[in-house]
């Protein structure tokens, strides 16, 4: 696992990065928001998670997170900050953070939160079965490289044919059941 620790306090960066390394986690650090964005631009998509402080010079944590999400980067983010007001925590989560932990905290709790966020994200990795691909995070579906709207119960084809997906009594479809239904549909 590879993390980016973004905080303007050098003692905190040293403490956290040393603890992460002792726990077998590779990490890199940045001293402010702008330095973090520079690191992320050079190492795009190479971090499993970002630990992000809110109050920093140059660009604060809110701005960094907004910039990442606006660019379509979905790297998980945990805010690690002394800002403890409920409004602050809500703001961080609404901006797209995956978690929010208030300083001071026990290192074991931080490590557990990191592992939980990474575990949840990995559970949402795209699933492939034959030519069917499901992206659980974005709820996108592809068959043979073509996008399918997963909200419809039948698929209209340019030739006018329509094949219905069988209705289930449960709202849950297994991947195999969907693939069997879609495999019977004519591909164009």
N, C-alpha and C. Protein backbone atom coordinates (compact mmCIF):
# COMPACT_ATOMS: atom_id res chain seq x y z
N UNK A 1 0.85 -1.17 0.00
CA UNK A 1 0.00 0.00 0.00
C UNK A 1 0.90 1.24 0.00
N UNK A 2 0.47 2.26 -0.74
CA UNK A 2 1.26 3.49 -0.88
C UNK A 2 0.39 4.70 -0.55
N UNK A 3 0.84 5.52 0.40
CA UNK A 3 0.08 6.68 0.86
C UNK A 3 0.84 7.97 0.63
N UNK A 4 0.07 9.05 0.50
CA UNK A 4 0.63 10.40 0.47
C UNK A 4 0.13 11.11 1.72
N UNK A 5 1.06 11.61 2.53
CA UNK A 5 0.75 12.35 3.75
C UNK A 5 0.98 13.83 3.47
N UNK A 6 -0.10 14.63 3.59
CA UNK A 6 -0.02 16.06 3.29
C UNK A 6 -0.33 16.84 4.57
N UNK A 7 0.68 17.49 5.13
CA UNK A 7 0.51 18.25 6.37
C UNK A 7 1.65 19.26 6.47
N UNK A 8 1.34 20.45 6.97
CA UNK A 8 2.38 21.48 7.07
C UNK A 8 3.24 21.35 8.32
N UNK A 9 2.89 20.47 9.25
CA UNK A 9 3.66 20.28 10.48
C UNK A 9 4.72 19.19 10.24
N UNK A 10 6.01 19.58 10.21
CA UNK A 10 7.06 18.59 9.91
C UNK A 10 7.14 17.47 10.94
N UNK A 11 6.89 17.77 12.22
CA UNK A 11 6.93 16.72 13.25
C UNK A 11 5.81 15.70 13.01
N UNK A 12 4.64 16.19 12.66
CA UNK A 12 3.52 15.30 12.41
C UNK A 12 3.81 14.42 11.19
N UNK A 13 4.32 15.02 10.11
CA UNK A 13 4.65 14.24 8.91
C UNK A 13 5.67 13.15 9.23
N UNK A 14 6.68 13.50 10.02
CA UNK A 14 7.72 12.53 10.38
C UNK A 14 7.14 11.40 11.22
N UNK A 15 6.32 11.76 12.22
CA UNK A 15 5.72 10.76 13.11
C UNK A 15 4.82 9.80 12.32
N UNK A 16 3.93 10.35 11.52
CA UNK A 16 2.98 9.53 10.76
C UNK A 16 3.70 8.67 9.73
N UNK A 17 4.62 9.26 8.98
CA UNK A 17 5.32 8.48 7.95
C UNK A 17 6.18 7.38 8.56
N UNK A 18 6.80 7.65 9.73
CA UNK A 18 7.59 6.61 10.40
C UNK A 18 6.68 5.47 10.87
N UNK A 19 5.54 5.81 11.45
CA UNK A 19 4.60 4.79 11.91
C UNK A 19 4.05 3.97 10.76
N UNK A 20 3.74 4.63 9.65
CA UNK A 20 3.24 3.90 8.49
C UNK A 20 4.30 2.96 7.93
N UNK A 21 5.53 3.43 7.85
CA UNK A 21 6.61 2.57 7.33
C UNK A 21 6.83 1.36 8.24
N UNK A 22 6.76 1.58 9.56
CA UNK A 22 6.90 0.46 10.50
C UNK A 22 5.77 -0.55 10.32
N UNK A 23 4.64 -0.08 9.84
CA UNK A 23 3.47 -0.94 9.61
C UNK A 23 3.49 -1.56 8.22
N UNK A 24 4.56 -1.32 7.46
CA UNK A 24 4.69 -1.91 6.13
C UNK A 24 4.05 -1.11 5.01
N UNK A 25 3.74 0.16 5.29
CA UNK A 25 3.10 1.02 4.30
C UNK A 25 4.15 1.96 3.72
N UNK A 26 4.23 2.02 2.40
CA UNK A 26 5.12 2.95 1.73
C UNK A 26 4.44 4.31 1.72
N UNK A 27 5.19 5.38 2.01
CA UNK A 27 4.54 6.69 1.98
C UNK A 27 5.48 7.78 1.50
N UNK A 28 4.84 8.81 0.99
CA UNK A 28 5.53 10.01 0.55
C UNK A 28 4.85 11.17 1.27
N UNK A 29 5.55 12.29 1.40
CA UNK A 29 4.97 13.43 2.12
C UNK A 29 5.02 14.70 1.27
N UNK A 30 4.14 15.63 1.65
CA UNK A 30 4.12 16.97 1.04
C UNK A 30 3.82 17.95 2.16
N UNK A 31 4.47 19.13 2.12
CA UNK A 31 4.37 20.09 3.22
C UNK A 31 3.24 21.11 3.08
N UNK A 32 2.59 21.17 1.93
CA UNK A 32 1.45 22.07 1.76
C UNK A 32 0.61 21.60 0.58
N UNK A 33 -0.51 22.28 0.39
CA UNK A 33 -1.43 21.86 -0.66
C UNK A 33 -0.86 21.93 -2.06
N UNK A 34 -0.11 22.99 -2.36
CA UNK A 34 0.46 23.12 -3.70
C UNK A 34 1.52 22.06 -3.95
N UNK A 35 2.36 21.79 -2.95
CA UNK A 35 3.37 20.73 -3.09
C UNK A 35 2.69 19.38 -3.30
N UNK A 36 1.56 19.17 -2.63
CA UNK A 36 0.82 17.91 -2.78
C UNK A 36 0.31 17.76 -4.21
N UNK A 37 -0.27 18.82 -4.75
CA UNK A 37 -0.77 18.76 -6.12
C UNK A 37 0.35 18.51 -7.12
N UNK A 38 1.54 19.09 -6.85
CA UNK A 38 2.70 18.84 -7.71
C UNK A 38 3.10 17.37 -7.66
N UNK A 39 3.15 16.79 -6.44
CA UNK A 39 3.49 15.37 -6.28
C UNK A 39 2.47 14.50 -7.00
N UNK A 40 1.19 14.84 -6.84
CA UNK A 40 0.13 14.05 -7.47
C UNK A 40 0.16 14.14 -8.98
N UNK A 41 0.54 15.30 -9.50
CA UNK A 41 0.63 15.46 -10.96
C UNK A 41 1.74 14.59 -11.52
N UNK A 42 2.86 14.49 -10.80
CA UNK A 42 3.99 13.68 -11.26
C UNK A 42 3.72 12.18 -11.09
N UNK A 43 2.96 11.82 -10.05
CA UNK A 43 2.71 10.43 -9.71
C UNK A 43 1.23 10.10 -9.82
N UNK A 44 0.60 10.51 -10.89
CA UNK A 44 -0.84 10.32 -11.04
C UNK A 44 -1.23 8.86 -10.85
N UNK A 45 -2.25 8.64 -10.02
CA UNK A 45 -2.85 7.33 -9.75
C UNK A 45 -1.89 6.34 -9.09
N UNK A 46 -0.84 6.83 -8.47
CA UNK A 46 0.10 5.89 -7.87
C UNK A 46 -0.05 5.78 -6.35
N UNK A 47 -1.05 6.44 -5.77
CA UNK A 47 -1.27 6.35 -4.33
C UNK A 47 -2.58 5.62 -4.06
N UNK A 48 -2.54 4.76 -3.04
CA UNK A 48 -3.75 4.04 -2.65
C UNK A 48 -4.65 4.89 -1.77
N UNK A 49 -4.07 5.89 -1.10
CA UNK A 49 -4.84 6.74 -0.20
C UNK A 49 -4.04 8.00 0.10
N UNK A 50 -4.77 9.08 0.42
CA UNK A 50 -4.15 10.34 0.79
C UNK A 50 -4.62 10.73 2.19
N UNK A 51 -3.67 11.05 3.06
CA UNK A 51 -3.98 11.64 4.37
C UNK A 51 -3.78 13.13 4.22
N UNK A 52 -4.82 13.92 4.47
CA UNK A 52 -4.83 15.33 4.10
C UNK A 52 -5.23 16.22 5.27
N UNK A 53 -4.37 17.17 5.60
CA UNK A 53 -4.69 18.18 6.62
C UNK A 53 -5.55 19.25 5.96
N UNK A 54 -6.31 19.99 6.75
CA UNK A 54 -7.14 21.06 6.21
C UNK A 54 -6.38 22.38 6.21
N UNK A 55 -5.84 22.76 7.35
CA UNK A 55 -5.20 24.08 7.49
C UNK A 55 -3.74 24.01 7.07
N UNK A 56 -3.47 24.51 5.85
CA UNK A 56 -2.10 24.51 5.32
C UNK A 56 -1.88 25.78 4.52
N UNK A 57 -0.63 26.19 4.38
CA UNK A 57 -0.34 27.36 3.54
C UNK A 57 -0.48 27.02 2.05
N UNK A 58 -0.49 28.06 1.26
CA UNK A 58 -0.58 28.00 -0.20
C UNK A 58 -1.94 27.50 -0.68
N UNK A 59 -2.27 26.25 -0.46
CA UNK A 59 -3.60 25.72 -0.80
C UNK A 59 -4.03 24.83 0.36
N UNK A 60 -5.22 25.09 0.90
CA UNK A 60 -5.67 24.29 2.03
C UNK A 60 -6.22 22.94 1.56
N UNK A 61 -6.53 22.09 2.52
CA UNK A 61 -7.00 20.75 2.20
C UNK A 61 -8.29 20.72 1.43
N UNK A 62 -9.20 21.68 1.73
CA UNK A 62 -10.46 21.74 0.98
C UNK A 62 -10.17 21.92 -0.51
N UNK A 63 -9.28 22.87 -0.81
CA UNK A 63 -8.94 23.17 -2.21
C UNK A 63 -8.28 21.97 -2.89
N UNK A 64 -7.40 21.31 -2.16
CA UNK A 64 -6.71 20.14 -2.73
C UNK A 64 -7.72 19.07 -3.10
N UNK A 65 -8.64 18.77 -2.18
CA UNK A 65 -9.64 17.74 -2.45
C UNK A 65 -10.55 18.14 -3.61
N UNK A 66 -11.00 19.39 -3.63
CA UNK A 66 -11.86 19.84 -4.72
C UNK A 66 -11.13 19.73 -6.06
N UNK A 67 -9.85 20.09 -6.09
CA UNK A 67 -9.06 20.00 -7.32
C UNK A 67 -8.97 18.55 -7.78
N UNK A 68 -8.71 17.62 -6.86
CA UNK A 68 -8.61 16.21 -7.22
C UNK A 68 -9.92 15.70 -7.80
N UNK A 69 -11.03 15.99 -7.13
CA UNK A 69 -12.33 15.48 -7.58
C UNK A 69 -12.75 16.13 -8.90
N UNK A 70 -12.44 17.42 -9.08
CA UNK A 70 -12.77 18.09 -10.34
C UNK A 70 -12.02 17.48 -11.52
N UNK A 71 -10.82 16.97 -11.25
CA UNK A 71 -10.02 16.33 -12.30
C UNK A 71 -10.37 14.86 -12.46
N UNK A 72 -11.38 14.39 -11.72
CA UNK A 72 -11.82 13.01 -11.85
C UNK A 72 -10.98 12.01 -11.10
N UNK A 73 -10.12 12.46 -10.23
CA UNK A 73 -9.28 11.54 -9.46
C UNK A 73 -10.05 11.05 -8.25
N UNK A 74 -10.17 9.75 -8.14
CA UNK A 74 -10.97 9.14 -7.09
C UNK A 74 -10.12 8.50 -5.99
N UNK A 75 -8.85 8.89 -5.88
CA UNK A 75 -8.00 8.35 -4.83
C UNK A 75 -8.67 8.62 -3.49
N UNK A 76 -8.81 7.60 -2.64
CA UNK A 76 -9.45 7.81 -1.33
C UNK A 76 -8.68 8.84 -0.51
N UNK A 77 -9.43 9.66 0.24
CA UNK A 77 -8.85 10.72 1.07
C UNK A 77 -9.42 10.62 2.47
N UNK A 78 -8.52 10.69 3.46
CA UNK A 78 -8.93 10.82 4.86
C UNK A 78 -8.40 12.17 5.34
N UNK A 79 -9.31 13.04 5.78
CA UNK A 79 -8.86 14.28 6.39
C UNK A 79 -8.31 13.97 7.77
N UNK A 80 -7.13 14.49 8.07
CA UNK A 80 -6.48 14.33 9.37
C UNK A 80 -6.20 15.75 9.85
N UNK A 81 -7.05 16.25 10.76
CA UNK A 81 -6.99 17.66 11.09
C UNK A 81 -7.42 17.95 12.51
N UNK A 82 -7.03 19.11 13.01
CA UNK A 82 -7.45 19.55 14.34
C UNK A 82 -8.82 20.21 14.30
N UNK A 83 -9.33 20.49 13.13
CA UNK A 83 -10.65 21.14 13.00
C UNK A 83 -11.72 20.11 13.36
N UNK A 84 -12.37 20.35 14.50
CA UNK A 84 -13.25 19.33 15.05
C UNK A 84 -14.74 19.67 15.04
N UNK A 85 -15.12 20.80 14.49
CA UNK A 85 -16.53 21.17 14.45
C UNK A 85 -17.29 20.22 13.53
N UNK A 86 -18.51 19.91 13.91
CA UNK A 86 -19.34 19.03 13.10
C UNK A 86 -19.46 19.57 11.68
N UNK A 87 -19.63 20.88 11.54
CA UNK A 87 -19.76 21.49 10.21
C UNK A 87 -18.54 21.22 9.35
N UNK A 88 -17.36 21.24 9.97
CA UNK A 88 -16.11 20.97 9.24
C UNK A 88 -16.08 19.52 8.76
N UNK A 89 -16.45 18.60 9.63
CA UNK A 89 -16.45 17.18 9.25
C UNK A 89 -17.44 16.92 8.13
N UNK A 90 -18.62 17.51 8.26
CA UNK A 90 -19.64 17.35 7.21
C UNK A 90 -19.14 17.92 5.90
N UNK A 91 -18.51 19.10 5.95
CA UNK A 91 -17.99 19.72 4.73
C UNK A 91 -16.97 18.80 4.06
N UNK A 92 -16.05 18.27 4.84
CA UNK A 92 -15.04 17.38 4.27
C UNK A 92 -15.64 16.16 3.60
N UNK A 93 -16.61 15.54 4.24
CA UNK A 93 -17.25 14.37 3.66
C UNK A 93 -18.08 14.73 2.43
N UNK A 94 -18.75 15.88 2.46
CA UNK A 94 -19.53 16.31 1.31
C UNK A 94 -18.65 16.68 0.11
N UNK A 95 -17.44 17.13 0.38
CA UNK A 95 -16.52 17.45 -0.72
C UNK A 95 -15.94 16.19 -1.37
N UNK A 96 -16.11 15.04 -0.71
CA UNK A 96 -15.65 13.80 -1.32
C UNK A 96 -14.62 13.03 -0.52
N UNK A 97 -14.36 13.45 0.72
CA UNK A 97 -13.44 12.68 1.56
C UNK A 97 -14.10 11.36 1.96
N UNK A 98 -13.29 10.34 2.18
CA UNK A 98 -13.80 9.04 2.56
C UNK A 98 -13.90 8.88 4.07
N UNK A 99 -13.16 9.70 4.81
CA UNK A 99 -13.21 9.65 6.27
C UNK A 99 -12.61 10.94 6.80
N UNK A 100 -12.73 11.14 8.11
CA UNK A 100 -12.28 12.37 8.75
C UNK A 100 -11.88 11.99 10.16
N UNK A 101 -10.64 12.24 10.52
CA UNK A 101 -10.17 11.92 11.87
C UNK A 101 -9.59 13.18 12.49
N UNK A 102 -9.89 13.38 13.76
CA UNK A 102 -9.51 14.62 14.44
C UNK A 102 -8.25 14.40 15.26
N UNK A 103 -7.30 15.35 15.12
CA UNK A 103 -6.07 15.34 15.92
C UNK A 103 -6.40 15.85 17.32
N UNK A 104 -5.79 15.34 18.34
CA UNK A 104 -4.89 14.17 18.38
C UNK A 104 -5.70 12.87 18.32
N UNK A 105 -5.05 11.81 17.90
CA UNK A 105 -5.69 10.51 17.76
C UNK A 105 -4.66 9.44 18.05
N UNK A 106 -5.14 8.23 18.29
CA UNK A 106 -4.24 7.10 18.49
C UNK A 106 -3.81 6.60 17.10
N UNK A 107 -2.53 6.31 16.95
CA UNK A 107 -2.03 5.85 15.65
C UNK A 107 -2.74 4.58 15.21
N UNK A 108 -3.05 3.69 16.15
CA UNK A 108 -3.74 2.44 15.82
C UNK A 108 -5.10 2.73 15.17
N UNK A 109 -5.79 3.77 15.63
CA UNK A 109 -7.08 4.14 15.03
C UNK A 109 -6.88 4.64 13.60
N UNK A 110 -5.88 5.47 13.40
CA UNK A 110 -5.60 5.96 12.04
C UNK A 110 -5.30 4.79 11.11
N UNK A 111 -4.46 3.89 11.55
CA UNK A 111 -4.11 2.74 10.72
C UNK A 111 -5.34 1.89 10.41
N UNK A 112 -6.21 1.69 11.39
CA UNK A 112 -7.44 0.93 11.16
C UNK A 112 -8.34 1.63 10.15
N UNK A 113 -8.43 2.96 10.23
CA UNK A 113 -9.26 3.71 9.28
C UNK A 113 -8.67 3.63 7.87
N UNK A 114 -7.36 3.72 7.76
CA UNK A 114 -6.69 3.60 6.46
C UNK A 114 -7.01 2.24 5.85
N UNK A 115 -6.84 1.18 6.63
CA UNK A 115 -7.09 -0.17 6.13
C UNK A 115 -8.56 -0.35 5.73
N UNK A 116 -9.48 0.22 6.51
CA UNK A 116 -10.91 0.09 6.20
C UNK A 116 -11.26 0.81 4.90
N UNK A 117 -10.75 2.02 4.71
CA UNK A 117 -11.06 2.77 3.49
C UNK A 117 -10.48 2.06 2.27
N UNK A 118 -9.26 1.59 2.37
CA UNK A 118 -8.64 0.89 1.23
C UNK A 118 -9.39 -0.41 0.95
N UNK A 119 -9.78 -1.12 1.99
CA UNK A 119 -10.52 -2.37 1.81
C UNK A 119 -11.86 -2.10 1.10
N UNK A 120 -12.58 -1.06 1.52
CA UNK A 120 -13.87 -0.72 0.89
C UNK A 120 -13.67 -0.34 -0.58
N UNK A 121 -12.63 0.42 -0.88
CA UNK A 121 -12.37 0.83 -2.26
C UNK A 121 -12.02 -0.37 -3.13
N UNK A 122 -11.23 -1.29 -2.59
CA UNK A 122 -10.85 -2.47 -3.38
C UNK A 122 -12.06 -3.34 -3.66
N UNK A 123 -13.04 -3.34 -2.75
CA UNK A 123 -14.26 -4.12 -2.96
C UNK A 123 -15.07 -3.55 -4.12
N UNK A 124 -14.80 -2.31 -4.49
CA UNK A 124 -15.54 -1.67 -5.58
C UNK A 124 -14.79 -1.67 -6.90
N UNK A 125 -13.70 -2.43 -7.00
CA UNK A 125 -12.98 -2.50 -8.26
C UNK A 125 -13.88 -3.14 -9.33
N UNK A 126 -13.71 -2.78 -10.59
CA UNK A 126 -14.55 -3.35 -11.64
C UNK A 126 -14.45 -4.88 -11.69
N UNK A 127 -15.58 -5.49 -12.01
CA UNK A 127 -15.68 -6.95 -12.10
C UNK A 127 -15.90 -7.29 -13.58
N UNK A 128 -15.18 -8.31 -14.06
CA UNK A 128 -15.34 -8.72 -15.44
C UNK A 128 -15.75 -10.19 -15.50
N UNK A 129 -16.67 -10.49 -16.40
CA UNK A 129 -17.13 -11.85 -16.65
C UNK A 129 -17.37 -11.96 -18.14
N UNK A 130 -16.49 -12.63 -18.83
CA UNK A 130 -16.58 -12.68 -20.29
C UNK A 130 -16.42 -11.28 -20.85
N UNK A 131 -17.37 -10.87 -21.72
CA UNK A 131 -17.28 -9.52 -22.28
C UNK A 131 -18.12 -8.51 -21.47
N UNK A 132 -18.60 -8.94 -20.30
CA UNK A 132 -19.38 -8.08 -19.44
C UNK A 132 -18.48 -7.48 -18.36
N UNK A 133 -18.57 -6.18 -18.18
CA UNK A 133 -17.76 -5.49 -17.18
C UNK A 133 -18.68 -4.60 -16.35
N UNK A 134 -18.58 -4.73 -15.00
CA UNK A 134 -19.37 -3.92 -14.08
C UNK A 134 -18.43 -3.08 -13.23
N UNK A 135 -18.65 -1.78 -13.22
CA UNK A 135 -17.89 -0.89 -12.34
C UNK A 135 -18.82 -0.52 -11.19
N UNK A 136 -18.62 -1.17 -10.05
CA UNK A 136 -19.51 -0.98 -8.91
C UNK A 136 -19.42 0.41 -8.31
N UNK A 137 -18.27 1.04 -8.42
CA UNK A 137 -18.10 2.38 -7.85
C UNK A 137 -18.92 3.41 -8.62
N UNK A 138 -18.92 3.32 -9.95
CA UNK A 138 -19.64 4.30 -10.77
C UNK A 138 -20.98 3.76 -11.27
N UNK A 139 -21.23 2.47 -11.01
CA UNK A 139 -22.46 1.79 -11.46
C UNK A 139 -22.59 1.78 -12.98
N UNK A 140 -21.45 1.68 -13.65
CA UNK A 140 -21.43 1.61 -15.11
C UNK A 140 -21.32 0.15 -15.53
N UNK A 141 -21.94 -0.17 -16.68
CA UNK A 141 -21.92 -1.53 -17.21
C UNK A 141 -21.51 -1.46 -18.68
N UNK A 142 -20.65 -2.39 -19.09
CA UNK A 142 -20.24 -2.49 -20.49
C UNK A 142 -20.39 -3.93 -20.94
N UNK A 143 -20.76 -4.12 -22.19
CA UNK A 143 -20.75 -5.43 -22.80
C UNK A 143 -20.04 -5.29 -24.14
N UNK A 144 -19.01 -6.05 -24.33
CA UNK A 144 -18.25 -5.98 -25.57
C UNK A 144 -17.66 -4.60 -25.80
N UNK A 145 -17.32 -3.90 -24.73
CA UNK A 145 -16.73 -2.57 -24.85
C UNK A 145 -17.75 -1.45 -25.04
N UNK A 146 -19.03 -1.79 -25.16
CA UNK A 146 -20.08 -0.78 -25.34
C UNK A 146 -20.83 -0.57 -24.03
N UNK A 147 -21.13 0.67 -23.73
CA UNK A 147 -21.83 1.02 -22.50
C UNK A 147 -23.28 0.54 -22.55
N UNK A 148 -23.76 0.04 -21.41
CA UNK A 148 -25.14 -0.39 -21.25
C UNK A 148 -25.72 0.39 -20.08
N UNK A 149 -26.95 0.85 -20.21
CA UNK A 149 -27.62 1.53 -19.10
C UNK A 149 -28.18 0.46 -18.17
N UNK A 150 -27.62 0.31 -16.96
CA UNK A 150 -28.05 -0.78 -16.07
C UNK A 150 -29.43 -0.54 -15.46
N UNK A 151 -30.02 0.63 -15.66
CA UNK A 151 -31.32 0.93 -15.06
C UNK A 151 -32.48 0.44 -15.89
N UNK A 152 -32.24 0.01 -17.12
CA UNK A 152 -33.35 -0.43 -17.98
C UNK A 152 -33.52 -1.94 -17.86
N UNK A 153 -34.76 -2.40 -18.02
CA UNK A 153 -35.02 -3.84 -17.93
C UNK A 153 -35.00 -4.52 -19.29
N UNK A 154 -34.91 -3.75 -20.36
CA UNK A 154 -34.76 -4.35 -21.68
C UNK A 154 -33.83 -3.47 -22.50
N UNK A 155 -33.23 -4.07 -23.48
CA UNK A 155 -32.28 -3.35 -24.31
C UNK A 155 -32.82 -3.29 -25.73
N UNK A 156 -33.01 -2.11 -26.25
CA UNK A 156 -33.44 -1.98 -27.64
C UNK A 156 -32.21 -2.02 -28.53
N UNK A 157 -32.33 -2.69 -29.62
CA UNK A 157 -31.23 -2.82 -30.57
C UNK A 157 -31.53 -1.95 -31.78
N UNK A 158 -30.50 -1.48 -32.46
CA UNK A 158 -30.73 -0.68 -33.65
C UNK A 158 -31.59 -1.39 -34.70
N UNK A 159 -31.56 -2.72 -34.72
CA UNK A 159 -32.34 -3.46 -35.71
C UNK A 159 -33.80 -3.57 -35.31
N UNK A 160 -34.16 -3.07 -34.13
CA UNK A 160 -35.54 -3.11 -33.68
C UNK A 160 -35.84 -4.26 -32.75
N UNK A 161 -34.91 -5.21 -32.59
CA UNK A 161 -35.13 -6.33 -31.68
C UNK A 161 -35.01 -5.84 -30.24
N UNK A 162 -35.72 -6.47 -29.36
CA UNK A 162 -35.65 -6.12 -27.95
C UNK A 162 -35.62 -7.41 -27.15
N UNK A 163 -34.68 -7.50 -26.23
CA UNK A 163 -34.56 -8.68 -25.39
C UNK A 163 -34.68 -8.23 -23.95
N UNK A 164 -35.59 -8.81 -23.23
CA UNK A 164 -35.80 -8.42 -21.83
C UNK A 164 -34.91 -9.21 -20.90
N UNK A 165 -34.47 -8.53 -19.87
CA UNK A 165 -33.74 -9.20 -18.79
C UNK A 165 -34.80 -9.81 -17.90
N UNK A 166 -34.68 -11.08 -17.55
CA UNK A 166 -35.72 -11.72 -16.75
C UNK A 166 -35.91 -11.00 -15.41
N UNK A 167 -37.14 -10.83 -15.00
CA UNK A 167 -37.46 -10.21 -13.72
C UNK A 167 -37.16 -11.20 -12.60
N UNK A 168 -36.69 -10.68 -11.49
CA UNK A 168 -36.41 -11.50 -10.33
C UNK A 168 -37.33 -11.05 -9.20
N UNK A 169 -37.62 -11.94 -8.28
CA UNK A 169 -38.42 -11.53 -7.13
C UNK A 169 -37.58 -10.67 -6.21
N UNK A 170 -36.29 -10.90 -6.19
CA UNK A 170 -35.37 -10.10 -5.38
C UNK A 170 -34.81 -8.99 -6.25
N UNK A 171 -34.44 -7.86 -5.64
CA UNK A 171 -33.84 -6.77 -6.42
C UNK A 171 -32.36 -7.00 -6.66
N UNK A 172 -31.81 -8.08 -6.13
CA UNK A 172 -30.39 -8.37 -6.29
C UNK A 172 -30.18 -9.36 -7.43
N UNK A 173 -29.30 -8.99 -8.34
CA UNK A 173 -28.92 -9.87 -9.44
C UNK A 173 -27.49 -10.31 -9.20
N UNK A 174 -27.23 -11.58 -9.38
CA UNK A 174 -25.85 -12.02 -9.30
C UNK A 174 -25.17 -11.69 -10.62
N UNK A 175 -23.87 -11.55 -10.58
CA UNK A 175 -23.11 -11.26 -11.80
C UNK A 175 -23.34 -12.35 -12.84
N UNK A 176 -23.33 -13.60 -12.40
CA UNK A 176 -23.54 -14.71 -13.34
C UNK A 176 -24.92 -14.65 -13.98
N UNK A 177 -25.95 -14.32 -13.19
CA UNK A 177 -27.31 -14.25 -13.74
C UNK A 177 -27.41 -13.14 -14.79
N UNK A 178 -26.82 -11.99 -14.50
CA UNK A 178 -26.82 -10.90 -15.48
C UNK A 178 -26.07 -11.30 -16.74
N UNK A 179 -24.92 -11.93 -16.55
CA UNK A 179 -24.11 -12.32 -17.70
C UNK A 179 -24.86 -13.35 -18.56
N UNK A 180 -25.55 -14.31 -17.92
CA UNK A 180 -26.32 -15.31 -18.68
C UNK A 180 -27.43 -14.62 -19.47
N UNK A 181 -28.12 -13.67 -18.85
CA UNK A 181 -29.19 -12.96 -19.55
C UNK A 181 -28.64 -12.16 -20.71
N UNK A 182 -27.55 -11.43 -20.49
CA UNK A 182 -26.99 -10.58 -21.53
C UNK A 182 -26.32 -11.39 -22.62
N UNK A 183 -25.83 -12.58 -22.28
CA UNK A 183 -25.19 -13.41 -23.28
C UNK A 183 -26.20 -13.86 -24.34
N UNK A 184 -27.47 -14.00 -23.92
CA UNK A 184 -28.52 -14.41 -24.86
C UNK A 184 -28.96 -13.27 -25.76
N UNK A 185 -28.62 -12.04 -25.41
CA UNK A 185 -29.03 -10.90 -26.22
C UNK A 185 -28.18 -10.83 -27.48
N UNK A 186 -28.78 -10.42 -28.59
CA UNK A 186 -27.96 -10.28 -29.80
C UNK A 186 -26.97 -9.14 -29.65
N UNK A 187 -25.73 -9.38 -29.98
CA UNK A 187 -24.70 -8.34 -29.89
C UNK A 187 -24.61 -7.62 -31.23
N UNK A 188 -24.45 -6.31 -31.19
CA UNK A 188 -24.30 -5.51 -32.40
C UNK A 188 -23.06 -4.70 -32.31
